[in-house]
Amino acid sequence: MLFLALATVMYFLPSILGHNKRNAAGIFLVNFFLGWTIVGWVVALFWACTADTCMPVMVVAGHGPYCSQCGTASISGARYCATCGRLI
């Protein structure tokens, strides 16, 4: 009985390692259907161990008014430029 439990854990090891990945369902399906082949199991294990690629996110903050003297953006609601000190 212990052997059966260990064999099941070893068979689904790629799915266990990749449970928190973005492609966890794909890893599970490859592991479930092709895990009985050594190549399918290795592919699923490799897929589970590779890092998720994150898409770069560009955050653009809404700038307030620009200074007429130096041209730098000021914080919204500011009355004076933080760079040159002139009235905005």
PDB file of N, CA and C in Angstrom:
ATOM      1  N   MET A   1       0.820  -1.193   0.000  1.00  0.00           N
ATOM      2  CA  MET A   1       0.000   0.000   0.000  1.00  0.00           C
ATOM      3  C   MET A   1       0.868   1.262   0.000  1.00  0.00           C
ATOM      4  N   LEU A   2       1.939   1.250   0.748  1.00  0.00           N
ATOM      5  CA  LEU A   2       2.858   2.383   0.791  1.00  0.00           C
ATOM      6  C   LEU A   2       3.510   2.591  -0.571  1.00  0.00           C
ATOM      7  N   PHE A   3       3.833   1.491  -1.249  1.00  0.00           N
ATOM      8  CA  PHE A   3       4.435   1.590  -2.579  1.00  0.00           C
ATOM      9  C   PHE A   3       3.476   2.263  -3.558  1.00  0.00           C
ATOM     10  N   LEU A   4       2.203   1.926  -3.504  1.00  0.00           N
ATOM     11  CA  LEU A   4       1.215   2.531  -4.392  1.00  0.00           C
ATOM     12  C   LEU A   4       1.083   4.032  -4.135  1.00  0.00           C
ATOM     13  N   ALA A   5       1.111   4.437  -2.874  1.00  0.00           N
ATOM     14  CA  ALA A   5       1.025   5.857  -2.530  1.00  0.00           C
ATOM     15  C   ALA A   5       2.264   6.604  -3.021  1.00  0.00           C
ATOM     16  N   LEU A   6       3.452   6.029  -2.837  1.00  0.00           N
ATOM     17  CA  LEU A   6       4.683   6.669  -3.301  1.00  0.00           C
ATOM     18  C   LEU A   6       4.742   6.737  -4.829  1.00  0.00           C
ATOM     19  N   ALA A   7       4.267   5.682  -5.489  1.00  0.00           N
ATOM     20  CA  ALA A   7       4.253   5.681  -6.947  1.00  0.00           C
ATOM     21  C   ALA A   7       3.300   6.748  -7.481  1.00  0.00           C
ATOM     22  N   THR A   8       2.165   6.944  -6.835  1.00  0.00           N
ATOM     23  CA  THR A   8       1.211   7.970  -7.251  1.00  0.00           C
ATOM     24  C   THR A   8       1.796   9.362  -7.056  1.00  0.00           C
ATOM     25  N   VAL A   9       2.464   9.575  -5.947  1.00  0.00           N
ATOM     26  CA  VAL A   9       3.090  10.880  -5.691  1.00  0.00           C
ATOM     27  C   VAL A   9       4.203  11.137  -6.700  1.00  0.00           C
ATOM     28  N   MET A  10       4.990  10.125  -7.023  1.00  0.00           N
ATOM     29  CA  MET A  10       6.059  10.296  -8.010  1.00  0.00           C
ATOM     30  C   MET A  10       5.487  10.557  -9.399  1.00  0.00           C
ATOM     31  N   TYR A  11       4.394   9.890  -9.748  1.00  0.00           N
ATOM     32  CA  TYR A  11       3.779  10.084 -11.063  1.00  0.00           C
ATOM     33  C   TYR A  11       3.252  11.504 -11.211  1.00  0.00           C
ATOM     34  N   PHE A  12       2.628  12.031 -10.160  1.00  0.00           N
ATOM     35  CA  PHE A  12       2.045  13.369 -10.216  1.00  0.00           C
ATOM     36  C   PHE A  12       2.970  14.442  -9.642  1.00  0.00           C
ATOM     37  N   LEU A  13       4.243  14.152  -9.510  1.00  0.00           N
ATOM     38  CA  LEU A  13       5.202  15.125  -8.993  1.00  0.00           C
ATOM     39  C   LEU A  13       5.238  16.413  -9.819  1.00  0.00           C
ATOM     40  N   PRO A  14       5.227  16.364 -11.168  1.00  0.00           N
ATOM     41  CA  PRO A  14       5.183  17.626 -11.916  1.00  0.00           C
ATOM     42  C   PRO A  14       3.923  18.441 -11.626  1.00  0.00           C
ATOM     43  N   SER A  15       2.791  17.785 -11.479  1.00  0.00           N
ATOM     44  CA  SER A  15       1.558  18.509 -11.160  1.00  0.00           C
ATOM     45  C   SER A  15       1.606  19.105  -9.765  1.00  0.00           C
ATOM     46  N   ILE A  16       2.221  18.409  -8.839  1.00  0.00           N
ATOM     47  CA  ILE A  16       2.340  18.918  -7.471  1.00  0.00           C
ATOM     48  C   ILE A  16       3.268  20.136  -7.448  1.00  0.00           C
ATOM     49  N   LEU A  17       4.378  20.064  -8.177  1.00  0.00           N
ATOM     50  CA  LEU A  17       5.320  21.187  -8.195  1.00  0.00           C
ATOM     51  C   LEU A  17       4.771  22.394  -8.949  1.00  0.00           C
ATOM     52  N   GLY A  18       3.930  22.153  -9.950  1.00  0.00           N
ATOM     53  CA  GLY A  18       3.426  23.248 -10.755  1.00  0.00           C
ATOM     54  C   GLY A  18       2.019  23.680 -10.411  1.00  0.00           C
ATOM     55  N   HIS A  19       1.550  23.354  -9.216  1.00  0.00           N
ATOM     56  CA  HIS A  19       0.163  23.681  -8.855  1.00  0.00           C
ATOM     57  C   HIS A  19      -0.097  25.177  -8.745  1.00  0.00           C
ATOM     58  N   ASN A  20       0.919  25.981  -8.499  1.00  0.00           N
ATOM     59  CA  ASN A  20       0.696  27.425  -8.350  1.00  0.00           C
ATOM     60  C   ASN A  20       1.152  28.219  -9.574  1.00  0.00           C
ATOM     61  N   LYS A  21       1.395  27.536 -10.684  1.00  0.00           N
ATOM     62  CA  LYS A  21       1.810  28.205 -11.908  1.00  0.00           C
ATOM     63  C   LYS A  21       0.599  28.713 -12.675  1.00  0.00           C
ATOM     64  N   ARG A  22       0.853  29.602 -13.599  1.00  0.00           N
ATOM     65  CA  ARG A  22      -0.204  30.134 -14.434  1.00  0.00           C
ATOM     66  C   ARG A  22      -0.774  29.042 -15.347  1.00  0.00           C
ATOM     67  N   ASN A  23       0.064  28.111 -15.788  1.00  0.00           N
ATOM     68  CA  ASN A  23      -0.351  27.034 -16.680  1.00  0.00           C
ATOM     69  C   ASN A  23      -0.503  25.718 -15.933  1.00  0.00           C
ATOM     70  N   ALA A  24      -1.046  25.752 -14.734  1.00  0.00           N
ATOM     71  CA  ALA A  24      -1.165  24.545 -13.913  1.00  0.00           C
ATOM     72  C   ALA A  24      -2.064  23.508 -14.573  1.00  0.00           C
ATOM     73  N   ALA A  25      -3.115  23.930 -15.254  1.00  0.00           N
ATOM     74  CA  ALA A  25      -4.014  22.975 -15.908  1.00  0.00           C
ATOM     75  C   ALA A  25      -3.296  22.261 -17.051  1.00  0.00           C
ATOM     76  N   GLY A  26      -2.504  22.980 -17.808  1.00  0.00           N
ATOM     77  CA  GLY A  26      -1.741  22.371 -18.890  1.00  0.00           C
ATOM     78  C   GLY A  26      -0.703  21.387 -18.386  1.00  0.00           C
ATOM     79  N   ILE A  27      -0.031  21.746 -17.303  1.00  0.00           N
ATOM     80  CA  ILE A  27       0.950  20.850 -16.699  1.00  0.00           C
ATOM     81  C   ILE A  27       0.261  19.579 -16.224  1.00  0.00           C
ATOM     82  N   PHE A  28      -0.899  19.712 -15.595  1.00  0.00           N
ATOM     83  CA  PHE A  28      -1.635  18.549 -15.120  1.00  0.00           C
ATOM     84  C   PHE A  28      -2.079  17.657 -16.277  1.00  0.00           C
ATOM     85  N   LEU A  29      -2.570  18.266 -17.356  1.00  0.00           N
ATOM     86  CA  LEU A  29      -3.047  17.466 -18.486  1.00  0.00           C
ATOM     87  C   LEU A  29      -1.914  16.709 -19.167  1.00  0.00           C
ATOM     88  N   VAL A  30      -0.772  17.352 -19.350  1.00  0.00           N
ATOM     89  CA  VAL A  30       0.389  16.656 -19.921  1.00  0.00           C
ATOM     90  C   VAL A  30       0.842  15.552 -18.991  1.00  0.00           C
ATOM     91  N   ASN A  31       0.857  15.829 -17.711  1.00  0.00           N
ATOM     92  CA  ASN A  31       1.263  14.828 -16.729  1.00  0.00           C
ATOM     93  C   ASN A  31       0.284  13.659 -16.683  1.00  0.00           C
ATOM     94  N   PHE A  32      -0.995  13.954 -16.753  1.00  0.00           N
ATOM     95  CA  PHE A  32      -2.016  12.909 -16.656  1.00  0.00           C
ATOM     96  C   PHE A  32      -2.040  12.018 -17.905  1.00  0.00           C
ATOM     97  N   PHE A  33      -2.022  12.651 -19.090  1.00  0.00           N
ATOM     98  CA  PHE A  33      -2.165  11.870 -20.312  1.00  0.00           C
ATOM     99  C   PHE A  33      -0.844  11.327 -20.861  1.00  0.00           C
ATOM    100  N   LEU A  34       0.240  12.041 -20.679  1.00  0.00           N
ATOM    101  CA  LEU A  34       1.521  11.607 -21.234  1.00  0.00           C
ATOM    102  C   LEU A  34       2.555  11.255 -20.175  1.00  0.00           C
ATOM    103  N   GLY A  35       2.167  11.294 -18.916  1.00  0.00           N
ATOM    104  CA  GLY A  35       3.113  11.002 -17.853  1.00  0.00           C
ATOM    105  C   GLY A  35       3.577   9.561 -17.826  1.00  0.00           C
ATOM    106  N   TRP A  36       2.800   8.668 -18.411  1.00  0.00           N
ATOM    107  CA  TRP A  36       3.200   7.253 -18.430  1.00  0.00           C
ATOM    108  C   TRP A  36       4.395   7.036 -19.342  1.00  0.00           C
ATOM    109  N   THR A  37       4.614   7.963 -20.296  1.00  0.00           N
ATOM    110  CA  THR A  37       5.846   7.908 -21.083  1.00  0.00           C
ATOM    111  C   THR A  37       6.892   8.718 -20.333  1.00  0.00           C
ATOM    112  N   ILE A  38       8.085   8.294 -20.428  1.00  0.00           N
ATOM    113  CA  ILE A  38       9.152   8.998 -19.703  1.00  0.00           C
ATOM    114  C   ILE A  38       9.325  10.409 -20.269  1.00  0.00           C
ATOM    115  N   VAL A  39       9.188  10.543 -21.588  1.00  0.00           N
ATOM    116  CA  VAL A  39       9.348  11.859 -22.225  1.00  0.00           C
ATOM    117  C   VAL A  39       8.255  12.814 -21.752  1.00  0.00           C
ATOM    118  N   GLY A  40       7.007  12.353 -21.700  1.00  0.00           N
ATOM    119  CA  GLY A  40       5.905  13.198 -21.236  1.00  0.00           C
ATOM    120  C   GLY A  40       6.071  13.618 -19.794  1.00  0.00           C
ATOM    121  N   TRP A  41       6.561  12.707 -18.953  1.00  0.00           N
ATOM    122  CA  TRP A  41       6.770  13.025 -17.547  1.00  0.00           C
ATOM    123  C   TRP A  41       7.885  14.054 -17.396  1.00  0.00           C
ATOM    124  N   VAL A  42       8.968  13.899 -18.174  1.00  0.00           N
ATOM    125  CA  VAL A  42      10.091  14.845 -18.098  1.00  0.00           C
ATOM    126  C   VAL A  42       9.665  16.215 -18.625  1.00  0.00           C
ATOM    127  N   VAL A  43       8.864  16.238 -19.691  1.00  0.00           N
ATOM    128  CA  VAL A  43       8.377  17.513 -20.222  1.00  0.00           C
ATOM    129  C   VAL A  43       7.506  18.220 -19.190  1.00  0.00           C
ATOM    130  N   ALA A  44       6.609  17.479 -18.549  1.00  0.00           N
ATOM    131  CA  ALA A  44       5.754  18.078 -17.523  1.00  0.00           C
ATOM    132  C   ALA A  44       6.579  18.558 -16.330  1.00  0.00           C
ATOM    133  N   LEU A  45       7.586  17.798 -15.951  1.00  0.00           N
ATOM    134  CA  LEU A  45       8.451  18.205 -14.835  1.00  0.00           C
ATOM    135  C   LEU A  45       9.244  19.456 -15.199  1.00  0.00           C
ATOM    136  N   PHE A  46       9.769  19.509 -16.411  1.00  0.00           N
ATOM    137  CA  PHE A  46      10.517  20.688 -16.851  1.00  0.00           C
ATOM    138  C   PHE A  46       9.606  21.907 -16.892  1.00  0.00           C
ATOM    139  N   TRP A  47       8.395  21.736 -17.398  1.00  0.00           N
ATOM    140  CA  TRP A  47       7.429  22.828 -17.484  1.00  0.00           C
ATOM    141  C   TRP A  47       7.050  23.320 -16.094  1.00  0.00           C
ATOM    142  N   ALA A  48       6.921  22.400 -15.147  1.00  0.00           N
ATOM    143  CA  ALA A  48       6.556  22.788 -13.785  1.00  0.00           C
ATOM    144  C   ALA A  48       7.692  23.502 -13.066  1.00  0.00           C
ATOM    145  N   CYS A  49       8.933  23.190 -13.435  1.00  0.00           N
ATOM    146  CA  CYS A  49      10.080  23.785 -12.732  1.00  0.00           C
ATOM    147  C   CYS A  49      10.555  25.096 -13.346  1.00  0.00           C
ATOM    148  N   THR A  50      10.128  25.400 -14.558  1.00  0.00           N
ATOM    149  CA  THR A  50      10.554  26.657 -15.159  1.00  0.00           C
ATOM    150  C   THR A  50       9.770  27.811 -14.567  1.00  0.00           C
ATOM    151  N   ALA A  51      10.381  28.972 -14.604  1.00  0.00           N
ATOM    152  CA  ALA A  51       9.751  30.156 -14.024  1.00  0.00           C
ATOM    153  C   ALA A  51       8.682  30.693 -14.961  1.00  0.00           C
ATOM    154  N   ASP A  52       7.640  31.262 -14.389  1.00  0.00           N
ATOM    155  CA  ASP A  52       6.615  31.935 -15.177  1.00  0.00           C
ATOM    156  C   ASP A  52       7.211  33.210 -15.746  1.00  0.00           C
ATOM    157  N   THR A  53       6.944  33.466 -17.010  1.00  0.00           N
ATOM    158  CA  THR A  53       7.384  34.718 -17.594  1.00  0.00           C
ATOM    159  C   THR A  53       6.321  35.768 -17.317  1.00  0.00           C
ATOM    160  N   CYS A  54       6.732  36.848 -16.751  1.00  0.00           N
ATOM    161  CA  CYS A  54       5.803  37.924 -16.412  1.00  0.00           C
ATOM    162  C   CYS A  54       5.850  38.969 -17.508  1.00  0.00           C
ATOM    163  N   MET A  55       4.706  39.440 -17.861  1.00  0.00           N
ATOM    164  CA  MET A  55       4.632  40.517 -18.836  1.00  0.00           C
ATOM    165  C   MET A  55       5.032  41.815 -18.138  1.00  0.00           C
ATOM    166  N   PRO A  56       5.896  42.618 -18.761  1.00  0.00           N
ATOM    167  CA  PRO A  56       6.265  43.883 -18.129  1.00  0.00           C
ATOM    168  C   PRO A  56       5.062  44.820 -18.079  1.00  0.00           C
ATOM    169  N   VAL A  57       4.915  45.469 -16.965  1.00  0.00           N
ATOM    170  CA  VAL A  57       3.798  46.384 -16.762  1.00  0.00           C
ATOM    171  C   VAL A  57       4.351  47.793 -16.658  1.00  0.00           C
ATOM    172  N   MET A  58       3.804  48.679 -17.454  1.00  0.00           N
ATOM    173  CA  MET A  58       4.218  50.069 -17.401  1.00  0.00           C
ATOM    174  C   MET A  58       3.115  50.863 -16.726  1.00  0.00           C
ATOM    175  N   VAL A  59       3.444  51.504 -15.648  1.00  0.00           N
ATOM    176  CA  VAL A  59       2.479  52.309 -14.915  1.00  0.00           C
ATOM    177  C   VAL A  59       2.719  53.761 -15.267  1.00  0.00           C
ATOM    178  N   VAL A  60       1.706  54.394 -15.767  1.00  0.00           N
ATOM    179  CA  VAL A  60       1.795  55.800 -16.129  1.00  0.00           C
ATOM    180  C   VAL A  60       0.921  56.573 -15.165  1.00  0.00           C
ATOM    181  N   ALA A  61       1.553  57.376 -14.357  1.00  0.00           N
ATOM    182  CA  ALA A  61       0.817  58.175 -13.385  1.00  0.00           C
ATOM    183  C   ALA A  61       0.331  59.449 -14.059  1.00  0.00           C
ATOM    184  N   GLY A  62      -0.846  59.862 -13.676  1.00  0.00           N
ATOM    185  CA  GLY A  62      -1.378  61.115 -14.205  1.00  0.00           C
ATOM    186  C   GLY A  62      -0.647  62.279 -13.569  1.00  0.00           C
ATOM    187  N   HIS A  63      -0.003  63.064 -14.415  1.00  0.00           N
ATOM    188  CA  HIS A  63       0.748  64.202 -13.902  1.00  0.00           C
ATOM    189  C   HIS A  63      -0.155  65.428 -13.808  1.00  0.00           C
ATOM    190  N   GLY A  64       0.195  66.266 -12.912  1.00  0.00           N
ATOM    191  CA  GLY A  64      -0.517  67.517 -12.755  1.00  0.00           C
ATOM    192  C   GLY A  64      -0.002  68.525 -13.755  1.00  0.00           C
ATOM    193  N   PRO A  65      -0.083  69.764 -13.413  1.00  0.00           N
ATOM    194  CA  PRO A  65       0.353  70.813 -14.338  1.00  0.00           C
ATOM    195  C   PRO A  65       1.872  70.823 -14.496  1.00  0.00           C
ATOM    196  N   TYR A  66       2.304  71.392 -15.624  1.00  0.00           N
ATOM    197  CA  TYR A  66       3.730  71.535 -15.893  1.00  0.00           C
ATOM    198  C   TYR A  66       4.161  72.960 -15.587  1.00  0.00           C
ATOM    199  N   CYS A  67       5.389  73.091 -15.127  1.00  0.00           N
ATOM    200  CA  CYS A  67       5.943  74.406 -14.832  1.00  0.00           C
ATOM    201  C   CYS A  67       6.257  75.123 -16.134  1.00  0.00           C
ATOM    202  N   SER A  68       5.863  76.386 -16.227  1.00  0.00           N
ATOM    203  CA  SER A  68       6.110  77.151 -17.453  1.00  0.00           C
ATOM    204  C   SER A  68       7.574  77.597 -17.557  1.00  0.00           C
ATOM    205  N   GLN A  69       8.291  77.606 -16.445  1.00  0.00           N
ATOM    206  CA  GLN A  69       9.681  78.050 -16.441  1.00  0.00           C
ATOM    207  C   GLN A  69      10.634  76.902 -16.797  1.00  0.00           C
ATOM    208  N   CYS A  70      10.557  75.784 -16.053  1.00  0.00           N
ATOM    209  CA  CYS A  70      11.528  74.697 -16.251  1.00  0.00           C
ATOM    210  C   CYS A  70      10.938  73.490 -16.985  1.00  0.00           C
ATOM    211  N   GLY A  71       9.602  73.384 -17.082  1.00  0.00           N
ATOM    212  CA  GLY A  71       8.975  72.317 -17.842  1.00  0.00           C
ATOM    213  C   GLY A  71       8.809  70.996 -17.121  1.00  0.00           C
ATOM    214  N   THR A  72       9.112  70.947 -15.839  1.00  0.00           N
ATOM    215  CA  THR A  72       8.948  69.695 -15.109  1.00  0.00           C
ATOM    216  C   THR A  72       7.499  69.544 -14.650  1.00  0.00           C
ATOM    217  N   ALA A  73       7.082  68.290 -14.536  1.00  0.00           N
ATOM    218  CA  ALA A  73       5.727  68.014 -14.080  1.00  0.00           C
ATOM    219  C   ALA A  73       5.662  68.197 -12.573  1.00  0.00           C
ATOM    220  N   SER A  74       4.561  68.762 -12.119  1.00  0.00           N
ATOM    221  CA  SER A  74       4.371  68.991 -10.690  1.00  0.00           C
ATOM    222  C   SER A  74       3.283  68.067 -10.168  1.00  0.00           C
ATOM    223  N   ILE A  75       3.238  67.924  -8.887  1.00  0.00           N
ATOM    224  CA  ILE A  75       2.205  67.121  -8.235  1.00  0.00           C
ATOM    225  C   ILE A  75       0.872  67.830  -8.370  1.00  0.00           C
ATOM    226  N   SER A  76      -0.181  67.041  -8.563  1.00  0.00           N
ATOM    227  CA  SER A  76      -1.511  67.637  -8.683  1.00  0.00           C
ATOM    228  C   SER A  76      -1.846  68.427  -7.428  1.00  0.00           C
ATOM    229  N   GLY A  77      -2.328  69.611  -7.594  1.00  0.00           N
ATOM    230  CA  GLY A  77      -2.706  70.468  -6.481  1.00  0.00           C
ATOM    231  C   GLY A  77      -1.580  71.335  -5.953  1.00  0.00           C
ATOM    232  N   ALA A  78      -0.368  71.172  -6.504  1.00  0.00           N
ATOM    233  CA  ALA A  78       0.748  71.984  -6.042  1.00  0.00           C
ATOM    234  C   ALA A  78       0.621  73.395  -6.604  1.00  0.00           C
ATOM    235  N   ARG A  79       1.035  74.355  -5.798  1.00  0.00           N
ATOM    236  CA  ARG A  79       0.966  75.753  -6.232  1.00  0.00           C
ATOM    237  C   ARG A  79       2.307  76.249  -6.718  1.00  0.00           C
ATOM    238  N   TYR A  80       3.401  75.601  -6.262  1.00  0.00           N
ATOM    239  CA  TYR A  80       4.742  76.021  -6.639  1.00  0.00           C
ATOM    240  C   TYR A  80       5.494  74.828  -7.234  1.00  0.00           C
ATOM    241  N   CYS A  81       6.392  75.110  -8.159  1.00  0.00           N
ATOM    242  CA  CYS A  81       7.204  74.070  -8.775  1.00  0.00           C
ATOM    243  C   CYS A  81       8.239  73.553  -7.763  1.00  0.00           C
ATOM    244  N   ALA A  82       8.375  72.235  -7.695  1.00  0.00           N
ATOM    245  CA  ALA A  82       9.319  71.641  -6.750  1.00  0.00           C
ATOM    246  C   ALA A  82      10.761  71.829  -7.211  1.00  0.00           C
ATOM    247  N   THR A  83      10.975  72.077  -8.502  1.00  0.00           N
ATOM    248  CA  THR A  83      12.334  72.219  -9.018  1.00  0.00           C
ATOM    249  C   THR A  83      12.853  73.644  -8.937  1.00  0.00           C
ATOM    250  N   CYS A  84      12.052  74.582  -9.493  1.00  0.00           N
ATOM    251  CA  CYS A  84      12.548  75.954  -9.551  1.00  0.00           C
ATOM    252  C   CYS A  84      11.850  76.891  -8.562  1.00  0.00           C
ATOM    253  N   GLY A  85      10.724  76.490  -7.987  1.00  0.00           N
ATOM    254  CA  GLY A  85      10.059  77.286  -6.979  1.00  0.00           C
ATOM    255  C   GLY A  85       9.106  78.353  -7.515  1.00  0.00           C
ATOM    256  N   ARG A  86       8.926  78.402  -8.830  1.00  0.00           N
ATOM    257  CA  ARG A  86       8.019  79.408  -9.399  1.00  0.00           C
ATOM    258  C   ARG A  86       6.566  79.011  -9.179  1.00  0.00           C
ATOM    259  N   LEU A  87       5.691  79.977  -9.228  1.00  0.00           N
ATOM    260  CA  LEU A  87       4.257  79.760  -9.119  1.00  0.00           C
ATOM    261  C   LEU A  87       3.750  79.087 -10.392  1.00  0.00           C
ATOM    262  N   ILE A  88       2.983  78.038 -10.217  1.00  0.00           N
ATOM    263  CA  ILE A  88       2.469  77.294 -11.384  1.00  0.00           C
ATOM    264  C   ILE A  88       1.206  77.952 -11.895  1.00  0.00           C
TER     265      ILE A  88
END
